[in-house]
Amino acid sequence: QSRVKSNAGIMRKLKRKGLPLTLESIEKNIWDVAGLRVICAFPE
């Protein structure tokens, strides 16, 4: 499963963290803009 955080979600996270609302701030501070969830049947 994959997703890219919505624009509003990115903005909310920047505001919640008290970070500047800039592209540089997104790149340097928001680690979950994009994500993948890989589901495996077994822990190994």
ModelCIF file with pLDDT and N, C-alpha, C, O atoms, coordinates in Angstrom:
data_MODEL
#
_entry.id   MODEL 
#
_entity.id                         1 
_entity.type                       polymer 
_entity.pdbx_number_of_molecules   1 
#
_entity_poly.entity_id                      1 
_entity_poly.type                           'polypeptide(L)' 
_entity_poly.nstd_linkage                   no 
_entity_poly.nstd_monomer                   no 
_entity_poly.pdbx_seq_one_letter_code       QSRVKSNAGIMRKLKRKGLPLTLESIEKNIWDVAGLRVICAFPE 
_entity_poly.pdbx_seq_one_letter_code_can   QSRVKSNAGIMRKLKRKGLPLTLESIEKNIWDVAGLRVICAFPE 
_entity_poly.pdbx_strand_id                 A 
#
loop_
_entity_poly_seq.entity_id 
_entity_poly_seq.num 
_entity_poly_seq.mon_id 
_entity_poly_seq.hetero 
1 1  GLN n 
1 2  SER n 
1 3  ARG n 
1 4  VAL n 
1 5  LYS n 
1 6  SER n 
1 7  ASN n 
1 8  ALA n 
1 9  GLY n 
1 10 ILE n 
1 11 MET n 
1 12 ARG n 
1 13 LYS n 
1 14 LEU n 
1 15 LYS n 
1 16 ARG n 
1 17 LYS n 
1 18 GLY n 
1 19 LEU n 
1 20 PRO n 
1 21 LEU n 
1 22 THR n 
1 23 LEU n 
1 24 GLU n 
1 25 SER n 
1 26 ILE n 
1 27 GLU n 
1 28 LYS n 
1 29 ASN n 
1 30 ILE n 
1 31 TRP n 
1 32 ASP n 
1 33 VAL n 
1 34 ALA n 
1 35 GLY n 
1 36 LEU n 
1 37 ARG n 
1 38 VAL n 
1 39 ILE n 
1 40 CYS n 
1 41 ALA n 
1 42 PHE n 
1 43 PRO n 
1 44 GLU n 
#
_struct_asym.id          A 
_struct_asym.entity_id   1 
#
loop_
_ma_qa_metric.id 
_ma_qa_metric.mode 
_ma_qa_metric.name 
_ma_qa_metric.software_group_id 
_ma_qa_metric.type 
1 global pLDDT . pLDDT 
2 local  pLDDT . pLDDT 
#
_ma_qa_metric_global.metric_id      1 
_ma_qa_metric_global.metric_value   95.11 
_ma_qa_metric_global.model_id       1 
_ma_qa_metric_global.ordinal_id     1 
#
loop_
_ma_qa_metric_local.label_asym_id 
_ma_qa_metric_local.label_comp_id 
_ma_qa_metric_local.label_seq_id 
_ma_qa_metric_local.metric_id 
_ma_qa_metric_local.metric_value 
_ma_qa_metric_local.model_id 
_ma_qa_metric_local.ordinal_id 
A GLN 1  2 97.00 1 1  
A SER 2  2 97.00 1 2  
A ARG 3  2 97.00 1 3  
A VAL 4  2 97.00 1 4  
A LYS 5  2 96.00 1 5  
A SER 6  2 94.00 1 6  
A ASN 7  2 91.00 1 7  
A ALA 8  2 91.00 1 8  
A GLY 9  2 95.00 1 9  
A ILE 10 2 95.00 1 10 
A MET 11 2 93.00 1 11 
A ARG 12 2 95.00 1 12 
A LYS 13 2 96.00 1 13 
A LEU 14 2 96.00 1 14 
A LYS 15 2 96.00 1 15 
A ARG 16 2 97.00 1 16 
A LYS 17 2 97.00 1 17 
A GLY 18 2 97.00 1 18 
A LEU 19 2 96.00 1 19 
A PRO 20 2 93.00 1 20 
A LEU 21 2 91.00 1 21 
A THR 22 2 92.00 1 22 
A LEU 23 2 93.00 1 23 
A GLU 24 2 94.00 1 24 
A SER 25 2 95.00 1 25 
A ILE 26 2 96.00 1 26 
A GLU 27 2 95.00 1 27 
A LYS 28 2 96.00 1 28 
A ASN 29 2 96.00 1 29 
A ILE 30 2 96.00 1 30 
A TRP 31 2 94.00 1 31 
A ASP 32 2 94.00 1 32 
A VAL 33 2 97.00 1 33 
A ALA 34 2 96.00 1 34 
A GLY 35 2 94.00 1 35 
A LEU 36 2 95.00 1 36 
A ARG 37 2 95.00 1 37 
A VAL 38 2 96.00 1 38 
A ILE 39 2 96.00 1 39 
A CYS 40 2 97.00 1 40 
A ALA 41 2 94.00 1 41 
A PHE 42 2 96.00 1 42 
A PRO 43 2 95.00 1 43 
A GLU 44 2 96.00 1 44 
#
loop_
_atom_site.group_PDB 
_atom_site.id 
_atom_site.type_symbol 
_atom_site.label_atom_id 
_atom_site.label_alt_id 
_atom_site.label_comp_id 
_atom_site.label_asym_id 
_atom_site.label_entity_id 
_atom_site.label_seq_id 
_atom_site.pdbx_PDB_ins_code 
_atom_site.Cartn_x 
_atom_site.Cartn_y 
_atom_site.Cartn_z 
_atom_site.occupancy 
_atom_site.B_iso_or_equiv 
_atom_site.pdbx_formal_charge 
_atom_site.auth_seq_id 
_atom_site.auth_comp_id 
_atom_site.auth_asym_id 
_atom_site.auth_atom_id 
_atom_site.pdbx_PDB_model_num 
ATOM 1   N N  . GLN A 1 1  ? 0.866  -1.180  0.000  1.00 97.00 ? 1  GLN A N  1 
ATOM 2   C CA . GLN A 1 1  ? 0.000  0.000   0.000  1.00 97.00 ? 1  GLN A CA 1 
ATOM 3   C C  . GLN A 1 1  ? 0.898  1.224   0.000  1.00 97.00 ? 1  GLN A C  1 
ATOM 4   O O  . GLN A 1 1  ? 1.914  1.255   0.695  1.00 97.00 ? 1  GLN A O  1 
ATOM 5   N N  . SER A 1 2  ? 0.529  2.227   -0.774 1.00 97.00 ? 2  SER A N  1 
ATOM 6   C CA . SER A 1 2  ? 1.345  3.439   -0.820 1.00 97.00 ? 2  SER A CA 1 
ATOM 7   C C  . SER A 1 2  ? 0.453  4.660   -0.736 1.00 97.00 ? 2  SER A C  1 
ATOM 8   O O  . SER A 1 2  ? -0.744 4.617   -1.020 1.00 97.00 ? 2  SER A O  1 
ATOM 9   N N  . ARG A 1 3  ? 1.096  5.772   -0.326 1.00 97.00 ? 3  ARG A N  1 
ATOM 10  C CA . ARG A 1 3  ? 0.368  7.031   -0.293 1.00 97.00 ? 3  ARG A CA 1 
ATOM 11  C C  . ARG A 1 3  ? 1.348  8.187   -0.261 1.00 97.00 ? 3  ARG A C  1 
ATOM 12  O O  . ARG A 1 3  ? 2.495  8.035   0.160  1.00 97.00 ? 3  ARG A O  1 
ATOM 13  N N  . VAL A 1 4  ? 0.880  9.351   -0.714 1.00 97.00 ? 4  VAL A N  1 
ATOM 14  C CA . VAL A 1 4  ? 1.599  10.606  -0.567 1.00 97.00 ? 4  VAL A CA 1 
ATOM 15  C C  . VAL A 1 4  ? 0.665  11.506  0.241  1.00 97.00 ? 4  VAL A C  1 
ATOM 16  O O  . VAL A 1 4  ? -0.511 11.658  -0.089 1.00 97.00 ? 4  VAL A O  1 
ATOM 17  N N  . LYS A 1 5  ? 1.207  12.095  1.297  1.00 96.00 ? 5  LYS A N  1 
ATOM 18  C CA . LYS A 1 5  ? 0.426  12.938  2.200  1.00 96.00 ? 5  LYS A CA 1 
ATOM 19  C C  . LYS A 1 5  ? -0.231 14.071  1.408  1.00 96.00 ? 5  LYS A C  1 
ATOM 20  O O  . LYS A 1 5  ? 0.371  14.621  0.485  1.00 96.00 ? 5  LYS A O  1 
ATOM 21  N N  . SER A 1 6  ? -1.445 14.410  1.768  1.00 94.00 ? 6  SER A N  1 
ATOM 22  C CA . SER A 1 6  ? -2.163 15.493  1.089  1.00 94.00 ? 6  SER A CA 1 
ATOM 23  C C  . SER A 1 6  ? -1.512 16.841  1.402  1.00 94.00 ? 6  SER A C  1 
ATOM 24  O O  . SER A 1 6  ? -0.781 16.981  2.382  1.00 94.00 ? 6  SER A O  1 
ATOM 25  N N  . ASN A 1 7  ? -1.791 17.821  0.556  1.00 91.00 ? 7  ASN A N  1 
ATOM 26  C CA . ASN A 1 7  ? -1.263 19.171  0.775  1.00 91.00 ? 7  ASN A CA 1 
ATOM 27  C C  . ASN A 1 7  ? -1.685 19.678  2.147  1.00 91.00 ? 7  ASN A C  1 
ATOM 28  O O  . ASN A 1 7  ? -0.872 20.225  2.893  1.00 91.00 ? 7  ASN A O  1 
ATOM 29  N N  . ALA A 1 8  ? -2.950 19.495  2.472  1.00 91.00 ? 8  ALA A N  1 
ATOM 30  C CA . ALA A 1 8  ? -3.463 19.959  3.767  1.00 91.00 ? 8  ALA A CA 1 
ATOM 31  C C  . ALA A 1 8  ? -2.778 19.222  4.912  1.00 91.00 ? 8  ALA A C  1 
ATOM 32  O O  . ALA A 1 8  ? -2.483 19.820  5.946  1.00 91.00 ? 8  ALA A O  1 
ATOM 33  N N  . GLY A 1 9  ? -2.523 17.931  4.735  1.00 95.00 ? 9  GLY A N  1 
ATOM 34  C CA . GLY A 1 9  ? -1.843 17.149  5.767  1.00 95.00 ? 9  GLY A CA 1 
ATOM 35  C C  . GLY A 1 9  ? -0.423 17.626  5.993  1.00 95.00 ? 9  GLY A C  1 
ATOM 36  O O  . GLY A 1 9  ? 0.046  17.676  7.131  1.00 95.00 ? 9  GLY A O  1 
ATOM 37  N N  . ILE A 1 10 ? 0.261  17.976  4.921  1.00 95.00 ? 10 ILE A N  1 
ATOM 38  C CA . ILE A 1 10 ? 1.625  18.504  5.029  1.00 95.00 ? 10 ILE A CA 1 
ATOM 39  C C  . ILE A 1 10 ? 1.603  19.831  5.781  1.00 95.00 ? 10 ILE A C  1 
ATOM 40  O O  . ILE A 1 10 ? 2.406  20.056  6.687  1.00 95.00 ? 10 ILE A O  1 
ATOM 41  N N  . MET A 1 11 ? 0.679  20.704  5.398  1.00 93.00 ? 11 MET A N  1 
ATOM 42  C CA . MET A 1 11 ? 0.582  22.018  6.033  1.00 93.00 ? 11 MET A CA 1 
ATOM 43  C C  . MET A 1 11 ? 0.251  21.881  7.521  1.00 93.00 ? 11 MET A C  1 
ATOM 44  O O  . MET A 1 11 ? 0.851  22.565  8.350  1.00 93.00 ? 11 MET A O  1 
ATOM 45  N N  . ARG A 1 12 ? -0.686 21.012  7.864  1.00 95.00 ? 12 ARG A N  1 
ATOM 46  C CA . ARG A 1 12 ? -1.045 20.803  9.279  1.00 95.00 ? 12 ARG A CA 1 
ATOM 47  C C  . ARG A 1 12 ? 0.156  20.339  10.084 1.00 95.00 ? 12 ARG A C  1 
ATOM 48  O O  . ARG A 1 12 ? 0.379  20.804  11.202 1.00 95.00 ? 12 ARG A O  1 
ATOM 49  N N  . LYS A 1 13 ? 0.936  19.413  9.510  1.00 96.00 ? 13 LYS A N  1 
ATOM 50  C CA . LYS A 1 13 ? 2.089  18.881  10.229 1.00 96.00 ? 13 LYS A CA 1 
ATOM 51  C C  . LYS A 1 13 ? 3.146  19.966  10.435 1.00 96.00 ? 13 LYS A C  1 
ATOM 52  O O  . LYS A 1 13 ? 3.729  20.062  11.516 1.00 96.00 ? 13 LYS A O  1 
ATOM 53  N N  . LEU A 1 14 ? 3.397  20.776  9.421  1.00 96.00 ? 14 LEU A N  1 
ATOM 54  C CA . LEU A 1 14 ? 4.350  21.877  9.572  1.00 96.00 ? 14 LEU A CA 1 
ATOM 55  C C  . LEU A 1 14 ? 3.904  22.825  10.685 1.00 96.00 ? 14 LEU A C  1 
ATOM 56  O O  . LEU A 1 14 ? 4.701  23.217  11.537 1.00 96.00 ? 14 LEU A O  1 
ATOM 57  N N  . LYS A 1 15 ? 2.626  23.184  10.665 1.00 96.00 ? 15 LYS A N  1 
ATOM 58  C CA . LYS A 1 15 ? 2.092  24.095  11.685 1.00 96.00 ? 15 LYS A CA 1 
ATOM 59  C C  . LYS A 1 15 ? 2.166  23.473  13.072 1.00 96.00 ? 15 LYS A C  1 
ATOM 60  O O  . LYS A 1 15 ? 2.570  24.136  14.027 1.00 96.00 ? 15 LYS A O  1 
ATOM 61  N N  . ARG A 1 16 ? 1.778  22.198  13.193 1.00 97.00 ? 16 ARG A N  1 
ATOM 62  C CA . ARG A 1 16 ? 1.785  21.506  14.481 1.00 97.00 ? 16 ARG A CA 1 
ATOM 63  C C  . ARG A 1 16 ? 3.193  21.459  15.073 1.00 97.00 ? 16 ARG A C  1 
ATOM 64  O O  . ARG A 1 16 ? 3.369  21.552  16.288 1.00 97.00 ? 16 ARG A O  1 
ATOM 65  N N  . LYS A 1 17 ? 4.197  21.313  14.196 1.00 97.00 ? 17 LYS A N  1 
ATOM 66  C CA . LYS A 1 17 ? 5.586  21.252  14.648 1.00 97.00 ? 17 LYS A CA 1 
ATOM 67  C C  . LYS A 1 17 ? 6.215  22.640  14.785 1.00 97.00 ? 17 LYS A C  1 
ATOM 68  O O  . LYS A 1 17 ? 7.374  22.763  15.179 1.00 97.00 ? 17 LYS A O  1 
ATOM 69  N N  . GLY A 1 18 ? 5.453  23.677  14.461 1.00 97.00 ? 18 GLY A N  1 
ATOM 70  C CA . GLY A 1 18 ? 5.975  25.039  14.550 1.00 97.00 ? 18 GLY A CA 1 
ATOM 71  C C  . GLY A 1 18 ? 7.064  25.330  13.535 1.00 97.00 ? 18 GLY A C  1 
ATOM 72  O O  . GLY A 1 18 ? 7.973  26.117  13.800 1.00 97.00 ? 18 GLY A O  1 
ATOM 73  N N  . LEU A 1 19 ? 6.974  24.700  12.377 1.00 96.00 ? 19 LEU A N  1 
ATOM 74  C CA . LEU A 1 19 ? 7.990  24.844  11.336 1.00 96.00 ? 19 LEU A CA 1 
ATOM 75  C C  . LEU A 1 19 ? 7.543  25.849  10.282 1.00 96.00 ? 19 LEU A C  1 
ATOM 76  O O  . LEU A 1 19 ? 6.345  26.061  10.094 1.00 96.00 ? 19 LEU A O  1 
ATOM 77  N N  . PRO A 1 20 ? 8.491  26.464  9.600  1.00 93.00 ? 20 PRO A N  1 
ATOM 78  C CA . PRO A 1 20 ? 8.120  27.398  8.529  1.00 93.00 ? 20 PRO A CA 1 
ATOM 79  C C  . PRO A 1 20 ? 7.392  26.672  7.394  1.00 93.00 ? 20 PRO A C  1 
ATOM 80  O O  . PRO A 1 20 ? 7.661  25.507  7.103  1.00 93.00 ? 20 PRO A O  1 
ATOM 81  N N  . LEU A 1 21 ? 6.487  27.378  6.780  1.00 91.00 ? 21 LEU A N  1 
ATOM 82  C CA . LEU A 1 21 ? 5.706  26.808  5.681  1.00 91.00 ? 21 LEU A CA 1 
ATOM 83  C C  . LEU A 1 21 ? 6.438  27.037  4.361  1.00 91.00 ? 21 LEU A C  1 
ATOM 84  O O  . LEU A 1 21 ? 6.021  27.840  3.527  1.00 91.00 ? 21 LEU A O  1 
ATOM 85  N N  . THR A 1 22 ? 7.542  26.309  4.197  1.00 92.00 ? 22 THR A N  1 
ATOM 86  C CA . THR A 1 22 ? 8.351  26.452  2.991  1.00 92.00 ? 22 THR A CA 1 
ATOM 87  C C  . THR A 1 22 ? 8.645  25.072  2.408  1.00 92.00 ? 22 THR A C  1 
ATOM 88  O O  . THR A 1 22 ? 8.525  24.049  3.081  1.00 92.00 ? 22 THR A O  1 
ATOM 89  N N  . LEU A 1 23 ? 9.030  25.080  1.144  1.00 93.00 ? 23 LEU A N  1 
ATOM 90  C CA . LEU A 1 23 ? 9.395  23.823  0.490  1.00 93.00 ? 23 LEU A CA 1 
ATOM 91  C C  . LEU A 1 23 ? 10.620 23.211  1.164  1.00 93.00 ? 23 LEU A C  1 
ATOM 92  O O  . LEU A 1 23 ? 10.683 21.997  1.360  1.00 93.00 ? 23 LEU A O  1 
ATOM 93  N N  . GLU A 1 24 ? 11.584 24.043  1.516  1.00 94.00 ? 24 GLU A N  1 
ATOM 94  C CA . GLU A 1 24 ? 12.790 23.560  2.190  1.00 94.00 ? 24 GLU A CA 1 
ATOM 95  C C  . GLU A 1 24 ? 12.436 22.898  3.525  1.00 94.00 ? 24 GLU A C  1 
ATOM 96  O O  . GLU A 1 24 ? 13.022 21.882  3.897  1.00 94.00 ? 24 GLU A O  1 
ATOM 97  N N  . SER A 1 25 ? 11.495 23.470  4.223  1.00 95.00 ? 25 SER A N  1 
ATOM 98  C CA . SER A 1 25 ? 11.073 22.906  5.510  1.00 95.00 ? 25 SER A CA 1 
ATOM 99  C C  . SER A 1 25 ? 10.412 21.545  5.328  1.00 95.00 ? 25 SER A C  1 
ATOM 100 O O  . SER A 1 25 ? 10.605 20.643  6.144  1.00 95.00 ? 25 SER A O  1 
ATOM 101 N N  . ILE A 1 26 ? 9.642  21.397  4.273  1.00 96.00 ? 26 ILE A N  1 
ATOM 102 C CA . ILE A 1 26 ? 9.023  20.102  3.980  1.00 96.00 ? 26 ILE A CA 1 
ATOM 103 C C  . ILE A 1 26 ? 10.125 19.063  3.753  1.00 96.00 ? 26 ILE A C  1 
ATOM 104 O O  . ILE A 1 26 ? 10.113 17.990  4.355  1.00 96.00 ? 26 ILE A O  1 
ATOM 105 N N  . GLU A 1 27 ? 11.073 19.395  2.880  1.00 95.00 ? 27 GLU A N  1 
ATOM 106 C CA . GLU A 1 27 ? 12.142 18.448  2.537  1.00 95.00 ? 27 GLU A CA 1 
ATOM 107 C C  . GLU A 1 27 ? 13.004 18.073  3.730  1.00 95.00 ? 27 GLU A C  1 
ATOM 108 O O  . GLU A 1 27 ? 13.403 16.915  3.856  1.00 95.00 ? 27 GLU A O  1 
ATOM 109 N N  . LYS A 1 28 ? 13.299 19.015  4.604  1.00 96.00 ? 28 LYS A N  1 
ATOM 110 C CA . LYS A 1 28 ? 14.217 18.764  5.711  1.00 96.00 ? 28 LYS A CA 1 
ATOM 111 C C  . LYS A 1 28 ? 13.547 18.182  6.960  1.00 96.00 ? 28 LYS A C  1 
ATOM 112 O O  . LYS A 1 28 ? 14.207 17.518  7.759  1.00 96.00 ? 28 LYS A O  1 
ATOM 113 N N  . ASN A 1 29 ? 12.251 18.421  7.134  1.00 96.00 ? 29 ASN A N  1 
ATOM 114 C CA . ASN A 1 29 ? 11.620 18.106  8.419  1.00 96.00 ? 29 ASN A CA 1 
ATOM 115 C C  . ASN A 1 29 ? 10.471 17.111  8.388  1.00 96.00 ? 29 ASN A C  1 
ATOM 116 O O  . ASN A 1 29 ? 10.150 16.516  9.417  1.00 96.00 ? 29 ASN A O  1 
ATOM 117 N N  . ILE A 1 30 ? 9.856  16.921  7.257  1.00 96.00 ? 30 ILE A N  1 
ATOM 118 C CA . ILE A 1 30 ? 8.690  16.029  7.196  1.00 96.00 ? 30 ILE A CA 1 
ATOM 119 C C  . ILE A 1 30 ? 9.135  14.720  6.552  1.00 96.00 ? 30 ILE A C  1 
ATOM 120 O O  . ILE A 1 30 ? 9.335  14.647  5.339  1.00 96.00 ? 30 ILE A O  1 
ATOM 121 N N  . TRP A 1 31 ? 9.287  13.697  7.375  1.00 94.00 ? 31 TRP A N  1 
ATOM 122 C CA . TRP A 1 31 ? 9.836  12.412  6.935  1.00 94.00 ? 31 TRP A CA 1 
ATOM 123 C C  . TRP A 1 31 ? 8.772  11.470  6.374  1.00 94.00 ? 31 TRP A C  1 
ATOM 124 O O  . TRP A 1 31 ? 9.112  10.434  5.802  1.00 94.00 ? 31 TRP A O  1 
ATOM 125 N N  . ASP A 1 32 ? 7.504  11.808  6.525  1.00 94.00 ? 32 ASP A N  1 
ATOM 126 C CA . ASP A 1 32 ? 6.458  10.886  6.078  1.00 94.00 ? 32 ASP A CA 1 
ATOM 127 C C  . ASP A 1 32 ? 5.576  11.491  4.986  1.00 94.00 ? 32 ASP A C  1 
ATOM 128 O O  . ASP A 1 32 ? 4.382  11.201  4.921  1.00 94.00 ? 32 ASP A O  1 
ATOM 129 N N  . VAL A 1 33 ? 6.161  12.332  4.130  1.00 97.00 ? 33 VAL A N  1 
ATOM 130 C CA . VAL A 1 33 ? 5.396  12.879  3.006  1.00 97.00 ? 33 VAL A CA 1 
ATOM 131 C C  . VAL A 1 33 ? 4.908  11.728  2.135  1.00 97.00 ? 33 VAL A C  1 
ATOM 132 O O  . VAL A 1 33 ? 3.770  11.732  1.667  1.00 97.00 ? 33 VAL A O  1 
ATOM 133 N N  . ALA A 1 34 ? 5.768  10.757  1.923  1.00 96.00 ? 34 ALA A N  1 
ATOM 134 C CA . ALA A 1 34 ? 5.412  9.580   1.123  1.00 96.00 ? 34 ALA A CA 1 
ATOM 135 C C  . ALA A 1 34 ? 5.671  8.349   1.966  1.00 96.00 ? 34 ALA A C  1 
ATOM 136 O O  . ALA A 1 34 ? 6.572  8.333   2.804  1.00 96.00 ? 34 ALA A O  1 
ATOM 137 N N  . GLY A 1 35 ? 4.874  7.321   1.738  1.00 94.00 ? 35 GLY A N  1 
ATOM 138 C CA . GLY A 1 35 ? 5.083  6.105   2.503  1.00 94.00 ? 35 GLY A CA 1 
ATOM 139 C C  . GLY A 1 35 ? 4.579  4.872   1.793  1.00 94.00 ? 35 GLY A C  1 
ATOM 140 O O  . GLY A 1 35 ? 3.683  4.926   0.951  1.00 94.00 ? 35 GLY A O  1 
ATOM 141 N N  . LEU A 1 36 ? 5.186  3.756   2.161  1.00 95.00 ? 36 LEU A N  1 
ATOM 142 C CA . LEU A 1 36 ? 4.750  2.453   1.666  1.00 95.00 ? 36 LEU A CA 1 
ATOM 143 C C  . LEU A 1 36 ? 4.560  1.538   2.858  1.00 95.00 ? 36 LEU A C  1 
ATOM 144 O O  . LEU A 1 36 ? 5.335  1.581   3.813  1.00 95.00 ? 36 LEU A O  1 
ATOM 145 N N  . ARG A 1 37 ? 3.552  0.728   2.803  1.00 95.00 ? 37 ARG A N  1 
ATOM 146 C CA . ARG A 1 37 ? 3.327  -0.311  3.803  1.00 95.00 ? 37 ARG A CA 1 
ATOM 147 C C  . ARG A 1 37 ? 3.399  -1.642  3.070  1.00 95.00 ? 37 ARG A C  1 
ATOM 148 O O  . ARG A 1 37 ? 2.612  -1.909  2.162  1.00 95.00 ? 37 ARG A O  1 
ATOM 149 N N  . VAL A 1 38 ? 4.347  -2.466  3.472  1.00 96.00 ? 38 VAL A N  1 
ATOM 150 C CA . VAL A 1 38 ? 4.531  -3.778  2.867  1.00 96.00 ? 38 VAL A CA 1 
ATOM 151 C C  . VAL A 1 38 ? 3.992  -4.807  3.854  1.00 96.00 ? 38 VAL A C  1 
ATOM 152 O O  . VAL A 1 38 ? 4.461  -4.888  4.989  1.00 96.00 ? 38 VAL A O  1 
ATOM 153 N N  . ILE A 1 39 ? 3.022  -5.582  3.430  1.00 96.00 ? 39 ILE A N  1 
ATOM 154 C CA . ILE A 1 39 ? 2.398  -6.580  4.277  1.00 96.00 ? 39 ILE A CA 1 
ATOM 155 C C  . ILE A 1 39 ? 2.974  -7.951  3.941  1.00 96.00 ? 39 ILE A C  1 
ATOM 156 O O  . ILE A 1 39 ? 2.935  -8.395  2.794  1.00 96.00 ? 39 ILE A O  1 
ATOM 157 N N  . CYS A 1 40 ? 3.511  -8.612  4.968  1.00 97.00 ? 40 CYS A N  1 
ATOM 158 C CA . CYS A 1 40 ? 4.060  -9.962  4.825  1.00 97.00 ? 40 CYS A CA 1 
ATOM 159 C C  . CYS A 1 40 ? 3.286  -10.892 5.753  1.00 97.00 ? 40 CYS A C  1 
ATOM 160 O O  . CYS A 1 40 ? 2.837  -10.477 6.821  1.00 97.00 ? 40 CYS A O  1 
ATOM 161 N N  . ALA A 1 41 ? 3.132  -12.150 5.343  1.00 94.00 ? 41 ALA A N  1 
ATOM 162 C CA . ALA A 1 41 ? 2.381  -13.112 6.148  1.00 94.00 ? 41 ALA A CA 1 
ATOM 163 C C  . ALA A 1 41 ? 3.168  -13.554 7.376  1.00 94.00 ? 41 ALA A C  1 
ATOM 164 O O  . ALA A 1 41 ? 2.583  -13.864 8.414  1.00 94.00 ? 41 ALA A O  1 
ATOM 165 N N  . PHE A 1 42 ? 4.490  -13.584 7.259  1.00 96.00 ? 42 PHE A N  1 
ATOM 166 C CA . PHE A 1 42 ? 5.315  -14.120 8.339  1.00 96.00 ? 42 PHE A CA 1 
ATOM 167 C C  . PHE A 1 42 ? 6.386  -13.107 8.731  1.00 96.00 ? 42 PHE A C  1 
ATOM 168 O O  . PHE A 1 42 ? 6.942  -12.427 7.869  1.00 96.00 ? 42 PHE A O  1 
ATOM 169 N N  . PRO A 1 43 ? 6.677  -13.002 10.029 1.00 95.00 ? 43 PRO A N  1 
ATOM 170 C CA . PRO A 1 43 ? 7.706  -12.053 10.483 1.00 95.00 ? 43 PRO A CA 1 
ATOM 171 C C  . PRO A 1 43 ? 9.051  -12.255 9.792  1.00 95.00 ? 43 PRO A C  1 
ATOM 172 O O  . PRO A 1 43 ? 9.737  -11.282 9.477  1.00 95.00 ? 43 PRO A O  1 
ATOM 173 N N  . GLU A 1 44 ? 9.434  -13.508 9.555  1.00 96.00 ? 44 GLU A N  1 
ATOM 174 C CA . GLU A 1 44 ? 10.731 -13.737 8.904  1.00 96.00 ? 44 GLU A CA 1 
ATOM 175 C C  . GLU A 1 44 ? 10.753 -13.174 7.480  1.00 96.00 ? 44 GLU A C  1 
ATOM 176 O O  . GLU A 1 44 ? 11.767 -13.280 6.790  1.00 96.00 ? 44 GLU A O  1 
#
